[in-house]
Amino acid sequence: LRNMAGFKMDYFKGMSYDDIRPIFKKYFNSNVDFLEKTKEQMEE
């Protein structure tokens, strides 16, 4: 997540997994969507 969205490790210190998971999920899903779009464009 740090590399994907520019978050620093200090941002996550003291946070529980339940706090971090929604943030990770949001950025991970946007990356997956981008990869799927790119794959579709390559197939055309």
Protein backbone atom coordinates (compact mmCIF):
# COMPACT_ATOMS: atom_id res chain seq x y z
CA LEU A 1 0.00 0.00 0.00
CA ARG A 2 2.85 2.36 0.80
CA ASN A 3 4.20 2.13 -2.73
CA MET A 4 0.81 2.07 -4.43
CA ALA A 5 -0.74 5.17 -2.91
CA GLY A 6 2.14 7.14 -1.44
CA PHE A 7 1.42 6.31 2.19
CA LYS A 8 4.33 6.38 4.62
CA MET A 9 4.82 3.58 7.14
CA ASP A 10 4.45 6.09 10.00
CA TYR A 11 0.85 6.66 8.91
CA PHE A 12 -0.02 3.06 9.81
CA LYS A 13 1.84 2.83 13.12
CA GLY A 14 -0.57 2.18 15.96
CA MET A 15 -3.44 1.30 13.64
CA SER A 16 -5.12 -2.07 13.87
CA TYR A 17 -5.66 -4.40 10.94
CA ASP A 18 -9.34 -3.46 10.93
CA ASP A 19 -8.39 0.22 10.46
CA ILE A 20 -5.91 -0.46 7.65
CA ARG A 21 -7.94 -3.02 5.68
CA PRO A 22 -10.56 -0.60 4.19
CA ILE A 23 -7.80 1.78 3.03
CA PHE A 24 -5.86 -1.06 1.43
CA LYS A 25 -8.98 -2.52 -0.17
CA LYS A 26 -9.92 0.81 -1.78
CA TYR A 27 -6.53 1.32 -3.43
CA PHE A 28 -6.07 -2.35 -4.31
CA ASN A 29 -9.44 -2.45 -6.09
CA SER A 30 -8.60 0.66 -8.10
CA ASN A 31 -5.34 -0.97 -9.24
CA VAL A 32 -7.13 -4.18 -10.23
CA ASP A 33 -9.66 -2.16 -12.24
CA PHE A 34 -6.83 -0.36 -14.03
CA LEU A 35 -5.12 -3.65 -14.89
CA GLU A 36 -8.35 -5.13 -16.25
CA LYS A 37 -8.91 -2.04 -18.45
CA THR A 38 -5.35 -2.23 -19.74
CA LYS A 39 -5.75 -5.92 -20.52
CA GLU A 40 -8.98 -5.25 -22.45
CA GLN A 41 -7.29 -2.51 -24.49
CA MET A 42 -4.38 -4.79 -25.35
CA GLU A 43 -6.77 -7.47 -26.63
CA GLU A 44 -8.45 -5.03 -29.04
